[in-house]
N, C-alpha and C. Protein backbone atom coordinates (compact mmCIF):
# COMPACT_ATOMS: atom_id res chain seq x y z
N UNK A 1 153.07 65.30 239.42
CA UNK A 1 152.43 64.93 238.12
C UNK A 1 152.46 66.19 237.29
N UNK A 2 153.14 66.16 236.20
CA UNK A 2 153.21 67.34 235.37
C UNK A 2 152.08 67.24 234.26
N UNK A 3 150.89 67.53 234.59
CA UNK A 3 149.74 67.41 233.69
C UNK A 3 149.70 68.48 232.66
N UNK A 4 149.00 69.51 232.89
CA UNK A 4 149.02 70.78 231.90
C UNK A 4 150.35 71.36 231.73
N UNK A 5 151.32 71.23 232.65
CA UNK A 5 152.62 71.73 232.55
C UNK A 5 153.44 71.12 231.37
N UNK A 6 153.20 69.91 231.16
CA UNK A 6 153.93 69.09 230.27
C UNK A 6 153.20 68.81 228.91
N UNK A 7 151.99 68.62 228.98
CA UNK A 7 151.01 68.27 227.77
C UNK A 7 151.61 67.30 226.89
N UNK A 8 152.25 66.23 227.40
CA UNK A 8 152.89 65.11 226.56
C UNK A 8 153.88 65.68 225.61
N UNK A 9 154.51 66.78 225.82
CA UNK A 9 155.40 67.39 224.98
C UNK A 9 156.77 67.16 225.40
N UNK A 10 157.62 66.44 224.48
CA UNK A 10 158.93 65.97 224.98
C UNK A 10 159.91 67.10 225.28
N UNK A 11 159.78 68.22 224.63
CA UNK A 11 160.57 69.42 224.99
C UNK A 11 160.36 69.79 226.43
N UNK A 12 159.09 69.90 226.77
CA UNK A 12 158.74 70.29 228.14
C UNK A 12 159.10 69.24 229.19
N UNK A 13 158.92 67.89 228.71
CA UNK A 13 159.28 66.86 229.73
C UNK A 13 160.76 66.93 229.93
N UNK A 14 161.59 67.11 228.94
CA UNK A 14 162.97 67.12 229.08
C UNK A 14 163.40 68.31 230.04
N UNK A 15 162.80 69.47 229.83
CA UNK A 15 163.04 70.63 230.81
C UNK A 15 162.73 70.32 232.13
N UNK A 16 161.50 69.68 232.33
CA UNK A 16 161.14 69.32 233.70
C UNK A 16 162.00 68.31 234.42
N UNK A 17 162.54 67.30 233.57
CA UNK A 17 163.51 66.30 234.07
C UNK A 17 164.78 67.16 234.56
N UNK A 18 165.23 68.03 233.72
CA UNK A 18 166.43 68.80 234.06
C UNK A 18 166.27 69.65 235.25
N UNK A 19 165.11 70.17 235.42
CA UNK A 19 164.80 71.04 236.66
C UNK A 19 164.20 70.28 237.80
N UNK A 20 164.00 69.05 237.62
CA UNK A 20 163.50 68.10 238.67
C UNK A 20 162.17 68.76 239.27
N UNK A 21 161.24 69.08 238.35
CA UNK A 21 160.12 69.76 238.73
C UNK A 21 158.82 68.85 238.73
N UNK A 22 159.02 67.65 238.28
CA UNK A 22 157.94 66.59 238.31
C UNK A 22 158.54 65.30 238.51
N UNK A 23 157.66 64.26 238.77
CA UNK A 23 158.06 62.85 238.85
C UNK A 23 157.22 61.93 238.11
N UNK A 24 156.31 62.53 237.32
CA UNK A 24 155.40 61.66 236.60
C UNK A 24 154.76 62.51 235.47
N UNK A 25 154.25 61.88 234.48
CA UNK A 25 153.64 62.50 233.30
C UNK A 25 152.26 61.87 233.00
N UNK A 26 151.30 62.81 232.73
CA UNK A 26 150.03 62.36 232.25
C UNK A 26 150.03 62.39 230.67
N UNK A 27 150.02 61.22 230.03
CA UNK A 27 150.12 61.11 228.54
C UNK A 27 148.82 61.24 227.95
N UNK A 28 148.71 62.23 227.07
CA UNK A 28 147.43 62.52 226.36
C UNK A 28 147.81 62.55 224.84
N UNK A 29 147.48 61.47 224.14
CA UNK A 29 147.80 61.35 222.69
C UNK A 29 147.13 62.48 221.84
N UNK A 30 145.97 62.93 222.23
CA UNK A 30 145.18 63.81 221.47
C UNK A 30 145.94 65.18 221.31
N UNK A 31 146.30 65.82 222.33
CA UNK A 31 146.87 67.28 222.10
C UNK A 31 148.29 67.23 221.43
N UNK A 32 149.08 66.15 221.69
CA UNK A 32 150.39 66.16 221.06
C UNK A 32 150.27 65.83 219.58
N UNK A 33 149.27 65.04 219.19
CA UNK A 33 149.05 64.86 217.75
C UNK A 33 149.33 63.51 217.19
N UNK A 34 150.22 62.69 217.79
CA UNK A 34 150.52 61.44 217.14
C UNK A 34 150.88 60.38 218.27
N UNK A 35 150.70 59.08 217.88
CA UNK A 35 151.10 58.03 218.81
C UNK A 35 152.57 57.97 218.91
N UNK A 36 153.28 58.29 217.85
CA UNK A 36 154.79 58.30 217.90
C UNK A 36 155.34 59.29 218.91
N UNK A 37 154.75 60.45 218.96
CA UNK A 37 155.13 61.49 219.85
C UNK A 37 154.75 61.11 221.26
N UNK A 38 153.66 60.52 221.42
CA UNK A 38 153.21 59.99 222.76
C UNK A 38 154.18 58.88 223.25
N UNK A 39 154.51 57.99 222.37
CA UNK A 39 155.42 56.95 222.78
C UNK A 39 156.82 57.50 223.12
N UNK A 40 157.27 58.54 222.40
CA UNK A 40 158.56 59.16 222.75
C UNK A 40 158.52 59.80 224.12
N UNK A 41 157.46 60.53 224.36
CA UNK A 41 157.19 61.13 225.70
C UNK A 41 157.24 60.08 226.81
N UNK A 42 156.47 58.99 226.55
CA UNK A 42 156.47 57.76 227.61
C UNK A 42 157.86 57.31 227.80
N UNK A 43 158.54 56.94 226.73
CA UNK A 43 159.95 56.52 226.93
C UNK A 43 160.86 57.47 227.65
N UNK A 44 160.73 58.79 227.35
CA UNK A 44 161.59 59.76 228.00
C UNK A 44 161.22 59.82 229.50
N UNK A 45 160.05 59.79 229.81
CA UNK A 45 159.63 59.75 231.26
C UNK A 45 160.03 58.51 231.96
N UNK A 46 159.83 57.37 231.36
CA UNK A 46 160.33 56.13 231.94
C UNK A 46 161.80 56.08 232.19
N UNK A 47 162.52 56.51 231.22
CA UNK A 47 163.99 56.60 231.23
C UNK A 47 164.56 57.38 232.40
N UNK A 48 163.76 58.36 232.67
CA UNK A 48 164.04 59.32 233.87
C UNK A 48 163.58 58.80 235.15
N UNK A 49 162.99 57.60 235.17
CA UNK A 49 162.45 57.07 236.41
C UNK A 49 161.11 57.54 236.88
N UNK A 50 160.49 58.29 236.01
CA UNK A 50 159.20 58.87 236.31
C UNK A 50 158.08 57.82 236.17
N UNK A 51 156.94 58.07 236.78
CA UNK A 51 155.61 57.42 236.47
C UNK A 51 155.08 57.90 235.19
N UNK A 52 154.23 57.18 234.62
CA UNK A 52 153.41 57.57 233.44
C UNK A 52 152.00 57.07 233.46
N UNK A 53 151.05 57.91 233.22
CA UNK A 53 149.61 57.54 233.22
C UNK A 53 149.04 58.02 231.97
N UNK A 54 148.30 57.05 231.33
CA UNK A 54 147.60 57.34 230.11
C UNK A 54 146.29 57.97 230.41
N UNK A 55 145.91 59.00 229.65
CA UNK A 55 144.68 59.71 229.75
C UNK A 55 143.86 59.76 228.51
N UNK A 56 142.62 59.71 228.65
CA UNK A 56 141.69 59.67 227.44
C UNK A 56 141.19 61.06 227.21
N UNK A 57 141.55 62.04 228.06
CA UNK A 57 140.99 63.42 228.09
C UNK A 57 139.68 63.41 228.56
N UNK A 58 138.81 64.20 228.18
CA UNK A 58 137.31 64.20 228.69
C UNK A 58 136.48 63.50 227.79
N UNK A 59 135.35 62.99 228.39
CA UNK A 59 134.35 62.26 227.60
C UNK A 59 134.64 60.79 227.71
N UNK A 60 133.61 60.01 227.30
CA UNK A 60 133.75 58.55 227.34
C UNK A 60 133.56 58.02 225.87
N UNK A 61 134.10 56.87 225.67
CA UNK A 61 133.99 56.03 224.47
C UNK A 61 134.11 54.59 224.71
N UNK A 62 133.61 53.82 223.65
CA UNK A 62 133.78 52.43 223.80
C UNK A 62 135.08 52.05 223.08
N UNK A 63 135.90 52.94 222.52
CA UNK A 63 137.16 52.67 221.89
C UNK A 63 138.13 52.24 223.03
N UNK A 64 138.83 51.09 222.72
CA UNK A 64 139.77 50.72 223.76
C UNK A 64 141.31 51.04 223.48
N UNK A 65 141.50 51.92 222.64
CA UNK A 65 142.92 52.25 222.25
C UNK A 65 143.68 52.75 223.43
N UNK A 66 143.20 53.72 224.23
CA UNK A 66 143.94 54.20 225.36
C UNK A 66 144.27 53.04 226.41
N UNK A 67 143.34 52.19 226.59
CA UNK A 67 143.56 51.02 227.51
C UNK A 67 144.58 50.17 226.95
N UNK A 68 144.54 49.93 225.63
CA UNK A 68 145.46 49.09 225.10
C UNK A 68 146.93 49.53 225.15
N UNK A 69 147.03 50.96 224.90
CA UNK A 69 148.39 51.58 225.04
C UNK A 69 148.88 51.50 226.50
N UNK A 70 148.05 51.80 227.43
CA UNK A 70 148.41 51.81 228.79
C UNK A 70 148.99 50.41 229.22
N UNK A 71 148.36 49.28 228.69
CA UNK A 71 148.76 47.93 229.02
C UNK A 71 150.10 47.66 228.23
N UNK A 72 150.17 47.95 226.99
CA UNK A 72 151.30 47.76 226.11
C UNK A 72 152.56 48.45 226.62
N UNK A 73 152.39 49.60 226.97
CA UNK A 73 153.65 50.42 227.29
C UNK A 73 154.09 50.23 228.83
N UNK A 74 153.31 49.60 229.57
CA UNK A 74 153.61 49.42 231.01
C UNK A 74 154.40 48.22 231.05
């Protein structure tokens, strides 16, 4: 799981795919900045045969956006 190594960054994910240094990505929409970039990271990971896990970062909320994305993208 390339968590802090990849930080939902498609450039880092691509490098990790090429180096075979991970097999899954923890997707964090907040640090990358947009849902579009998060979606691109998800697609890249899935196309490489990787697992992908949505993360809400730290803290709790009643907002269901992350859960909705996890269901929609799976």
